[in-house]
Amino acid sequence: MISLGLPRIPQRGRIFSSVFVDTFGWGLFAPLAFLYFSYNTGLSFSAIGSAVSAGTLAALPTALLAGWLVDRFSPKTVLVSSNLVTALGYGLYPFASEWTLIAVSTFLVMAGDRLYWASWPVIVVDLASGRKLDATYAAVGTIKNFTVATGALASSGLTVLFGHGAADLVLALNVATSLVAAVLLAGVRVPTARGAGKPRDEGDGDRRAPGWREAFTDHAFTGFCFFFMLLTFAWALPSTILPAYAVEIMELPDWTPALFLGINSVAIMLAQMPVTAKVSHVPRQRLIVRAGLIFVLVFTGLYLVTKASATTAIVVLVPVMLTFTLGEMISLPAANALVASSAPAAIRGRYMSLFQLSWAVSGLFIPLLAGFVLDRGALWVCTAFGGIALLAALGIQATAYRIAPADGTAPADGTAPTDGTAPANGAAPSDGSTPADGTDLAHRSTGPVPTKDVT
């Protein structure tokens, strides 16, 4: 396989090809996803919107079920299933002629999405380790941005050629790409020995296997998830906030939101992997905190630029958007890698599903907050979202450094392990000596976790 700068991980041909195929199909259908129901039903947009919202909300708890499934079976099994469930949901779209069927089909699509994001980051941990985790998540983000954009362009071309008739063709292609991705992923060979399946040491007795209690009582981790959820509010800038802010508040031309969104997408496609490689020496926690501060700076600039003329504002907003994109690029791979590498192997699926809820929960409140502050002007918008970003940065600074690595070694802030245990799993003793069994530390501490989603 041609390298293309992609990280050298096992099965990378199938892994990255599945991402390419799957997200290309989504890119094809995304511009028509909401309109499809309008084309095929006599329902109003309000009715369609309420049905889609109901299905999305009903699917929210499946994130927790997905985490349990990943730990109980395997990330690969759940990842393949996510594509099949998604294909089934989209397959019901042509038959969704009433409110209930729209809600059910949306529920299946969103449930598949929850399964995907609980399993995808975990399978990467089973195939990569160290900062190669960050590089792999960055590569996936790059591929997704490229294929969604190209899929959307192809969809536009098909719509020009076939009009409304393109919707059924694009939907069929989306279902097909989900199935092809499932086949590609089914062929990925992933080590099967997970933490939950390892034999007990003598003296373990009837010690209960770790589960949800351990995940929820890991206060450093749950605190980090909460503050990262606040940080995700900033991601609404290109697609939710800026279109209305630029056109309605700043009175810029109607084409400017598409320009800024395009700058954001192209910058990620071109720079995500180089940027991730460039900051690979910086602790992940520090990168995420810096992203929060970058977002504060961005919203400050967004307010100040309202004082400029339209031409000047457009010119100034280009570097503002590039600065925002930099915050995205340094933080997202780091956050995924931090959670995936610090979660105990036996309950990694549960940890990842809790972390991925950050996006789902913020997605419920962002439209409400955005609508409220946009009605009240630029100062409200920038103060609210900038203030949330600052609070997120402060909270992540307080919690992320206390997340204990999965191997039981000291957290990044140098404190003792949270469970009071000595370093485990081949971690180097604090005195720098060699482990008692003489195992090569370079292989034990950096190898992939024996066993099995991303932006």
Protein backbone atom coordinates (compact mmCIF):
# COMPACT_ATOMS: atom_id res chain seq x y z
CA MET A 1 0.00 0.00 0.00
CA ILE A 2 1.21 3.52 -0.81
CA SER A 3 2.21 5.19 2.45
CA LEU A 4 0.70 8.69 1.93
CA GLY A 5 2.25 9.54 5.29
CA LEU A 6 -0.17 7.24 7.14
CA PRO A 7 1.06 5.72 10.42
CA ARG A 8 2.51 2.22 10.13
CA ILE A 9 0.06 0.17 12.15
CA PRO A 10 -1.00 -3.46 11.64
CA GLN A 11 -3.84 -3.93 9.12
CA ARG A 12 -3.58 -0.28 8.08
CA GLY A 13 -4.76 -1.04 4.53
CA ARG A 14 -8.12 -2.37 5.71
CA ILE A 15 -8.40 0.08 8.61
CA PHE A 16 -7.88 3.24 6.59
CA SER A 17 -9.75 1.92 3.55
CA SER A 18 -12.81 1.27 5.72
CA VAL A 19 -12.68 4.85 7.03
CA PHE A 20 -12.35 6.19 3.48
CA VAL A 21 -15.26 4.17 2.11
CA ASP A 22 -17.57 4.73 5.07
CA THR A 23 -17.12 8.49 5.35
CA PHE A 24 -17.29 8.99 1.58
CA GLY A 25 -20.77 7.45 1.69
CA TRP A 26 -21.77 9.71 4.56
CA GLY A 27 -20.40 12.73 2.69
CA LEU A 28 -22.56 11.76 -0.29
CA PHE A 29 -25.74 11.66 1.76
CA ALA A 30 -25.08 14.34 4.41
CA PRO A 31 -26.27 17.32 2.31
CA LEU A 32 -29.56 15.53 1.62
CA ALA A 33 -30.09 13.78 4.96
CA PHE A 34 -32.80 16.12 6.26
CA LEU A 35 -34.23 17.00 2.86
CA TYR A 36 -34.73 13.33 2.02
CA PHE A 37 -37.72 13.07 4.35
CA SER A 38 -39.15 16.24 2.88
CA TYR A 39 -38.91 14.78 -0.63
CA ASN A 40 -40.64 11.53 0.35
CA THR A 41 -43.26 12.57 2.89
CA GLY A 42 -45.95 15.20 3.16
CA LEU A 43 -44.77 16.21 6.63
CA SER A 44 -43.75 19.73 7.55
CA PHE A 45 -40.17 20.58 8.44
CA SER A 46 -41.28 21.02 12.06
CA ALA A 47 -42.70 17.49 12.17
CA ILE A 48 -39.63 16.04 10.49
CA GLY A 49 -37.35 17.93 12.85
CA SER A 50 -39.19 16.71 15.93
CA ALA A 51 -39.05 13.10 14.70
CA VAL A 52 -35.32 13.33 14.00
CA SER A 53 -34.73 14.93 17.42
CA ALA A 54 -36.77 12.21 19.13
CA GLY A 55 -34.79 9.45 17.43
CA THR A 56 -31.49 11.14 18.25
CA LEU A 57 -32.42 11.64 21.91
CA ALA A 58 -33.63 8.04 22.25
CA ALA A 59 -30.30 6.79 20.92
CA LEU A 60 -28.25 8.74 23.46
CA PRO A 61 -28.25 6.01 26.18
CA THR A 62 -27.01 3.43 23.66
CA ALA A 63 -23.55 4.97 24.13
CA LEU A 64 -23.36 3.31 27.56
CA LEU A 65 -24.62 0.02 26.16
CA ALA A 66 -21.98 0.29 23.44
CA GLY A 67 -19.23 0.61 26.04
CA TRP A 68 -20.39 -2.56 27.77
CA LEU A 69 -20.61 -4.42 24.45
CA VAL A 70 -17.04 -3.44 23.56
CA ASP A 71 -15.76 -4.86 26.85
CA ARG A 72 -18.02 -7.92 26.81
CA PHE A 73 -17.37 -9.00 23.23
CA SER A 74 -14.71 -7.09 21.30
CA PRO A 75 -14.21 -3.67 19.74
CA LYS A 76 -14.03 -5.26 16.30
CA THR A 77 -17.38 -7.01 16.73
CA VAL A 78 -19.06 -3.78 17.86
CA LEU A 79 -17.41 -1.76 15.09
CA VAL A 80 -18.63 -4.15 12.39
CA SER A 81 -22.08 -4.17 14.00
CA SER A 82 -22.17 -0.37 13.97
CA ASN A 83 -21.89 -0.36 10.19
CA LEU A 84 -24.63 -2.98 9.86
CA VAL A 85 -26.99 -1.12 12.21
CA THR A 86 -26.31 2.13 10.36
CA ALA A 87 -26.99 0.44 6.99
CA LEU A 88 -30.28 -0.91 8.38
CA GLY A 89 -31.30 2.55 9.59
CA TYR A 90 -30.58 4.17 6.24
CA GLY A 91 -32.26 1.25 4.51
CA LEU A 92 -35.51 2.19 6.26
CA TYR A 93 -35.42 5.79 4.98
CA PRO A 94 -37.38 5.08 1.76
CA PHE A 95 -40.17 3.52 3.85
CA ALA A 96 -40.24 6.29 6.50
CA SER A 97 -43.43 7.97 5.35
CA GLU A 98 -44.72 8.92 8.80
CA TRP A 99 -43.43 10.46 12.01
CA THR A 100 -42.86 7.18 13.88
CA LEU A 101 -40.87 5.56 11.08
CA ILE A 102 -38.69 8.65 10.71
CA ALA A 103 -37.94 8.51 14.44
CA VAL A 104 -37.17 4.76 14.30
CA SER A 105 -34.85 5.04 11.29
CA THR A 106 -33.08 8.00 12.88
CA PHE A 107 -32.72 6.04 16.12
CA LEU A 108 -31.01 3.16 14.27
CA VAL A 109 -28.63 5.49 12.44
CA MET A 110 -27.70 7.32 15.65
CA ALA A 111 -27.41 4.06 17.61
CA GLY A 112 -24.96 2.86 14.97
CA ASP A 113 -23.06 6.10 15.42
CA ARG A 114 -22.85 5.54 19.20
CA LEU A 115 -21.58 2.00 18.63
CA TYR A 116 -19.00 3.33 16.19
CA TRP A 117 -17.55 5.96 18.50
CA ALA A 118 -17.38 3.60 21.48
CA SER A 119 -15.45 0.97 19.50
CA TRP A 120 -13.36 2.76 16.89
CA PRO A 121 -10.88 4.51 19.26
CA VAL A 122 -10.47 1.25 21.21
CA ILE A 123 -9.50 -0.88 18.23
CA VAL A 124 -6.80 1.68 17.46
CA VAL A 125 -5.30 1.11 20.94
CA ASP A 126 -5.12 -2.61 20.17
CA LEU A 127 -3.12 -1.88 17.02
CA ALA A 128 -0.95 1.08 18.05
CA SER A 129 0.72 2.53 21.13
CA GLY A 130 2.56 5.58 22.42
CA ARG A 131 2.37 8.73 20.32
CA LYS A 132 1.55 6.56 17.31
CA LEU A 133 -1.96 6.61 18.81
CA ASP A 134 -2.14 10.37 18.29
CA ALA A 135 -0.77 10.00 14.75
CA THR A 136 -3.38 7.36 13.91
CA TYR A 137 -6.27 9.44 15.25
CA ALA A 138 -4.89 12.42 13.30
CA ALA A 139 -4.71 10.34 10.11
CA VAL A 140 -8.31 9.22 10.54
CA GLY A 141 -9.42 12.82 11.04
CA THR A 142 -7.61 13.84 7.87
CA ILE A 143 -9.20 11.03 5.86
CA LYS A 144 -12.65 11.85 7.22
CA ASN A 145 -12.40 15.53 6.31
CA PHE A 146 -11.19 14.69 2.81
CA THR A 147 -13.75 12.00 2.06
CA VAL A 148 -16.72 13.88 3.53
CA ALA A 149 -15.78 16.90 1.40
CA THR A 150 -15.32 14.86 -1.78
CA GLY A 151 -18.51 12.94 -1.08
CA ALA A 152 -20.43 16.19 -0.67
CA LEU A 153 -19.03 17.48 -3.95
CA ALA A 154 -20.01 14.24 -5.72
CA SER A 155 -23.48 14.53 -4.20
CA SER A 156 -23.79 18.06 -5.56
CA GLY A 157 -22.85 16.82 -9.02
CA LEU A 158 -25.39 14.01 -8.91
CA THR A 159 -28.07 16.44 -7.76
CA VAL A 160 -27.32 18.73 -10.69
CA LEU A 161 -27.62 15.78 -13.10
CA PHE A 162 -30.66 14.01 -11.64
CA GLY A 163 -32.45 16.58 -9.48
CA HIS A 164 -34.54 15.10 -6.63
CA GLY A 165 -34.03 11.67 -8.15
CA ALA A 166 -30.41 11.78 -6.99
CA ALA A 167 -31.55 11.40 -3.38
CA ASP A 168 -32.48 7.71 -3.75
CA LEU A 169 -29.27 6.97 -5.66
CA VAL A 170 -27.12 8.71 -3.05
CA LEU A 171 -28.95 6.91 -0.23
CA ALA A 172 -28.35 3.54 -1.91
CA LEU A 173 -24.66 4.36 -2.29
CA ASN A 174 -24.49 5.35 1.39
CA VAL A 175 -26.00 2.01 2.45
CA ALA A 176 -23.59 0.18 0.14
CA THR A 177 -20.53 1.95 1.52
CA SER A 178 -21.59 1.08 5.09
CA LEU A 179 -21.78 -2.58 4.12
CA VAL A 180 -18.44 -2.50 2.29
CA ALA A 181 -16.82 -0.89 5.34
CA ALA A 182 -18.27 -3.66 7.52
CA VAL A 183 -16.74 -6.31 5.25
CA LEU A 184 -13.34 -4.58 5.32
CA LEU A 185 -13.40 -4.33 9.11
CA ALA A 186 -14.53 -7.94 9.51
CA GLY A 187 -11.27 -8.98 7.86
CA VAL A 188 -9.07 -7.06 10.30
CA ARG A 189 -7.08 -9.39 12.53
CA VAL A 190 -6.95 -8.03 16.05
CA PRO A 191 -5.36 -9.78 19.08
CA THR A 192 -8.18 -11.28 21.14
CA ALA A 193 -6.78 -11.36 24.69
CA ARG A 194 -8.33 -8.44 26.56
CA GLY A 195 -7.75 -7.37 30.13
CA ALA A 196 -11.04 -8.91 31.23
CA GLY A 197 -10.06 -12.23 29.82
CA LYS A 198 -6.64 -12.56 31.44
CA PRO A 199 -6.22 -15.32 34.03
CA ARG A 200 -6.33 -14.20 37.63
CA ASP A 201 -3.19 -14.12 39.71
CA GLU A 202 -3.06 -16.37 42.75
CA GLY A 203 -4.64 -14.65 45.68
CA ASP A 204 -7.16 -12.78 43.57
CA GLY A 205 -9.88 -15.03 44.96
CA ASP A 206 -13.35 -13.89 44.01
CA ARG A 207 -12.38 -10.30 43.36
CA ARG A 208 -15.12 -8.71 41.24
CA ALA A 209 -14.22 -7.86 37.66
CA PRO A 210 -14.04 -4.10 37.02
CA GLY A 211 -17.15 -2.49 35.56
CA TRP A 212 -19.17 0.71 35.45
CA ARG A 213 -18.55 1.46 39.13
CA GLU A 214 -14.81 1.81 38.52
CA ALA A 215 -15.41 4.08 35.53
CA PHE A 216 -17.89 6.36 37.31
CA THR A 217 -15.85 6.57 40.52
CA ASP A 218 -12.68 7.55 38.67
CA HIS A 219 -13.27 11.18 39.60
CA ALA A 220 -10.27 12.53 37.72
CA PHE A 221 -11.55 10.88 34.53
CA THR A 222 -15.20 11.86 34.93
CA GLY A 223 -14.13 15.41 35.81
CA PHE A 224 -12.02 15.52 32.66
CA CYS A 225 -14.97 14.28 30.60
CA PHE A 226 -17.19 17.02 32.02
CA PHE A 227 -14.74 19.80 31.25
CA PHE A 228 -13.94 18.36 27.82
CA MET A 229 -17.69 18.40 27.16
CA LEU A 230 -17.56 22.15 27.83
CA LEU A 231 -14.61 22.44 25.45
CA THR A 232 -16.61 20.80 22.64
CA PHE A 233 -18.98 23.81 22.65
CA ALA A 234 -16.26 25.65 20.73
CA TRP A 235 -16.45 23.13 17.88
CA ALA A 236 -19.83 24.62 17.00
CA LEU A 237 -18.11 27.71 15.63
CA PRO A 238 -17.70 26.81 11.91
CA SER A 239 -21.03 25.09 11.30
CA THR A 240 -23.47 26.50 13.87
CA ILE A 241 -22.30 29.84 15.22
CA LEU A 242 -20.35 31.53 12.43
CA PRO A 243 -22.96 31.27 9.64
CA ALA A 244 -25.55 33.29 11.60
CA TYR A 245 -22.91 35.46 13.29
CA ALA A 246 -21.25 36.47 10.01
CA VAL A 247 -24.42 37.06 7.98
CA GLU A 248 -26.89 38.37 10.55
CA ILE A 249 -24.70 40.14 13.10
CA MET A 250 -21.72 41.26 11.00
CA GLU A 251 -23.82 41.62 7.82
CA LEU A 252 -21.22 39.90 5.66
CA PRO A 253 -22.12 38.37 2.27
CA ASP A 254 -24.03 35.07 2.28
CA TRP A 255 -21.07 33.21 0.79
CA THR A 256 -18.69 33.93 3.67
CA PRO A 257 -19.80 31.10 6.02
CA ALA A 258 -19.04 28.52 3.31
CA LEU A 259 -15.65 30.17 2.74
CA PHE A 260 -14.67 29.93 6.41
CA LEU A 261 -15.96 26.36 6.75
CA GLY A 262 -13.97 25.46 3.63
CA ILE A 263 -10.82 27.04 5.09
CA ASN A 264 -11.33 25.00 8.25
CA SER A 265 -11.79 21.72 6.35
CA VAL A 266 -8.93 22.25 3.90
CA ALA A 267 -6.53 23.25 6.70
CA ILE A 268 -7.33 20.05 8.58
CA MET A 269 -6.86 17.95 5.44
CA LEU A 270 -3.47 19.49 4.71
CA ALA A 271 -2.04 20.11 8.17
CA GLN A 272 -3.56 17.68 10.70
CA MET A 273 -0.90 14.98 10.43
CA PRO A 274 2.09 17.37 10.23
CA VAL A 275 0.80 19.38 13.20
CA THR A 276 0.26 16.23 15.28
CA ALA A 277 3.81 15.09 14.48
CA LYS A 278 5.19 18.54 15.33
CA VAL A 279 3.65 18.59 18.82
CA SER A 280 4.32 14.93 19.62
CA HIS A 281 6.85 15.95 22.31
CA VAL A 282 4.25 18.01 24.21
CA PRO A 283 2.20 16.27 26.93
CA ARG A 284 -1.32 15.55 25.74
CA GLN A 285 -2.87 17.30 28.71
CA ARG A 286 -1.00 20.49 27.92
CA LEU A 287 -2.16 20.40 24.29
CA ILE A 288 -5.81 20.17 25.32
CA VAL A 289 -5.47 23.05 27.80
CA ARG A 290 -3.74 25.16 25.14
CA ALA A 291 -6.61 24.46 22.76
CA GLY A 292 -9.06 25.88 25.30
CA LEU A 293 -6.98 29.05 25.60
CA ILE A 294 -6.75 29.28 21.80
CA PHE A 295 -10.55 29.14 21.60
CA VAL A 296 -10.79 31.97 24.14
CA LEU A 297 -8.48 34.01 21.91
CA VAL A 298 -10.56 33.15 18.84
CA PHE A 299 -13.85 34.31 20.37
CA THR A 300 -12.16 37.49 21.58
CA GLY A 301 -10.98 38.17 18.03
CA LEU A 302 -14.43 37.31 16.70
CA TYR A 303 -15.90 40.09 18.83
CA LEU A 304 -13.23 42.67 18.01
CA VAL A 305 -13.61 42.12 14.27
CA THR A 306 -17.24 43.30 14.42
CA LYS A 307 -15.86 46.84 14.66
CA ALA A 308 -14.19 46.56 11.24
CA SER A 309 -15.58 47.12 7.76
CA ALA A 310 -16.92 44.15 5.84
CA THR A 311 -13.82 43.76 3.65
CA THR A 312 -11.43 44.08 6.57
CA ALA A 313 -13.53 41.68 8.64
CA ILE A 314 -13.39 39.00 5.95
CA VAL A 315 -9.62 39.36 5.64
CA VAL A 316 -9.11 39.24 9.42
CA LEU A 317 -11.47 36.29 9.91
CA VAL A 318 -9.24 34.09 7.75
CA PRO A 319 -6.38 33.95 10.31
CA VAL A 320 -8.96 33.80 13.11
CA MET A 321 -10.43 30.67 11.53
CA LEU A 322 -6.95 29.19 10.97
CA THR A 323 -6.15 29.82 14.64
CA PHE A 324 -9.36 28.06 15.63
CA THR A 325 -8.42 25.14 13.36
CA LEU A 326 -5.02 24.90 15.05
CA GLY A 327 -6.80 24.47 18.40
CA GLU A 328 -8.85 21.66 16.90
CA MET A 329 -5.83 19.94 15.41
CA ILE A 330 -3.68 19.91 18.55
CA SER A 331 -6.43 18.83 20.94
CA LEU A 332 -8.62 16.19 19.33
CA PRO A 333 -6.01 13.47 18.64
CA ALA A 334 -4.44 14.20 22.03
CA ALA A 335 -7.77 13.84 23.87
CA ASN A 336 -8.68 10.56 22.18
CA ALA A 337 -5.22 9.15 22.80
CA LEU A 338 -5.17 10.32 26.43
CA VAL A 339 -8.44 8.57 27.25
CA ALA A 340 -7.76 5.43 25.22
CA SER A 341 -4.27 4.91 26.65
CA SER A 342 -5.21 5.65 30.26
CA ALA A 343 -8.34 3.49 30.47
CA PRO A 344 -7.91 0.04 32.09
CA ALA A 345 -7.88 -2.57 29.32
CA ALA A 346 -10.78 -4.60 30.77
CA ILE A 347 -13.17 -1.60 30.73
CA ARG A 348 -11.69 0.52 27.98
CA GLY A 349 -14.98 0.42 26.09
CA ARG A 350 -16.83 1.88 29.06
CA TYR A 351 -14.28 4.65 29.46
CA MET A 352 -14.39 5.55 25.79
CA SER A 353 -18.20 5.54 25.69
CA LEU A 354 -18.32 7.96 28.64
CA PHE A 355 -15.79 10.20 26.93
CA GLN A 356 -17.68 10.15 23.63
CA LEU A 357 -20.82 11.28 25.48
CA SER A 358 -19.07 14.65 25.75
CA TRP A 359 -20.00 15.32 22.14
CA ALA A 360 -23.52 13.92 22.42
CA VAL A 361 -24.41 15.93 25.53
CA SER A 362 -23.01 19.21 24.23
CA GLY A 363 -24.83 18.60 20.95
CA LEU A 364 -28.13 18.76 22.84
CA PHE A 365 -27.39 22.16 24.38
CA ILE A 366 -25.34 23.97 21.73
CA PRO A 367 -28.34 24.83 19.50
CA LEU A 368 -30.26 26.20 22.49
CA LEU A 369 -27.36 28.33 23.71
CA ALA A 370 -26.40 29.47 20.21
CA GLY A 371 -29.96 30.54 19.41
CA PHE A 372 -30.25 32.41 22.73
CA VAL A 373 -27.02 34.41 22.42
CA LEU A 374 -27.25 35.04 18.67
CA ASP A 375 -30.54 36.84 19.29
CA ARG A 376 -28.72 39.16 21.70
CA GLY A 377 -25.68 40.17 19.69
CA ALA A 378 -21.95 39.72 19.27
CA LEU A 379 -20.96 40.43 22.87
CA TRP A 380 -23.31 37.75 24.19
CA VAL A 381 -22.05 35.18 21.67
CA CYS A 382 -18.37 35.74 22.32
CA THR A 383 -18.69 36.12 26.08
CA ALA A 384 -20.74 32.93 26.44
CA PHE A 385 -18.68 30.65 24.20
CA GLY A 386 -15.35 32.25 25.13
CA GLY A 387 -16.21 31.99 28.83
CA ILE A 388 -17.15 28.31 28.48
CA ALA A 389 -13.84 27.65 26.69
CA LEU A 390 -11.92 29.36 29.50
CA LEU A 391 -13.78 27.36 32.15
CA ALA A 392 -13.04 24.19 30.18
CA ALA A 393 -9.32 24.99 30.00
CA LEU A 394 -9.13 25.63 33.74
CA GLY A 395 -11.07 22.45 34.52
CA ILE A 396 -8.96 20.30 32.21
CA GLN A 397 -5.81 21.75 33.77
CA ALA A 398 -7.13 20.62 37.17
CA THR A 399 -8.26 17.13 36.15
CA ALA A 400 -6.35 15.81 33.13
CA TYR A 401 -2.98 15.62 34.89
CA ARG A 402 -4.53 13.40 37.59
CA ILE A 403 -5.65 10.71 35.15
CA ALA A 404 -3.65 7.61 36.04
CA PRO A 405 -2.10 5.65 33.14
CA ALA A 406 -3.64 2.23 32.55
CA ASP A 407 -0.45 0.48 33.62
CA GLY A 408 -0.73 1.86 37.16
CA THR A 409 2.29 4.15 36.91
CA ALA A 410 2.20 7.65 38.33
CA PRO A 411 -0.07 10.20 36.65
CA ALA A 412 1.45 12.93 34.55
CA ASP A 413 1.58 15.32 37.49
CA GLY A 414 3.96 13.00 39.31
CA THR A 415 1.56 11.93 42.07
CA ALA A 416 1.22 8.37 43.22
CA PRO A 417 -1.12 5.99 41.39
CA THR A 418 -4.73 6.57 42.34
CA ASP A 419 -5.19 3.02 43.57
CA GLY A 420 -2.07 3.06 45.70
CA THR A 421 -0.46 0.22 43.82
CA ALA A 422 3.09 -0.10 42.65
CA PRO A 423 3.94 0.25 38.98
CA ALA A 424 2.59 -2.67 37.00
CA ASN A 425 2.61 -4.26 33.57
CA GLY A 426 6.27 -3.81 33.04
CA ALA A 427 6.47 -0.14 33.99
CA ALA A 428 9.88 0.96 35.09
CA PRO A 429 10.45 1.11 38.86
CA SER A 430 11.02 4.59 40.23
CA ASP A 431 14.65 3.80 40.93
CA GLY A 432 15.27 3.09 37.26
CA SER A 433 16.13 -0.57 37.84
CA THR A 434 15.16 -3.40 35.53
CA PRO A 435 11.96 -5.37 36.26
CA ALA A 436 12.50 -8.51 38.28
CA ASP A 437 11.63 -10.75 35.35
CA GLY A 438 14.30 -9.06 33.21
CA THR A 439 11.88 -8.21 30.43
CA ASP A 440 12.96 -5.55 27.96
CA LEU A 441 11.13 -2.40 29.05
CA ALA A 442 11.20 -0.96 25.56
CA HIS A 443 8.96 -3.78 24.39
CA ARG A 444 6.75 -4.18 27.42
CA SER A 445 5.91 -0.53 27.97
CA THR A 446 5.30 0.53 24.38
CA GLY A 447 3.70 -2.48 22.71
CA PRO A 448 0.02 -2.46 21.80
CA VAL A 449 -2.45 -3.68 24.39
CA PRO A 450 -3.08 -7.38 23.63
CA THR A 451 -6.67 -7.87 22.46
CA LYS A 452 -9.47 -4.64 19.55
CA ASP A 453 -14.04 4.85 16.17
CA VAL A 454 -12.73 8.93 15.61
CA THR A 455 -13.47 12.23 14.05
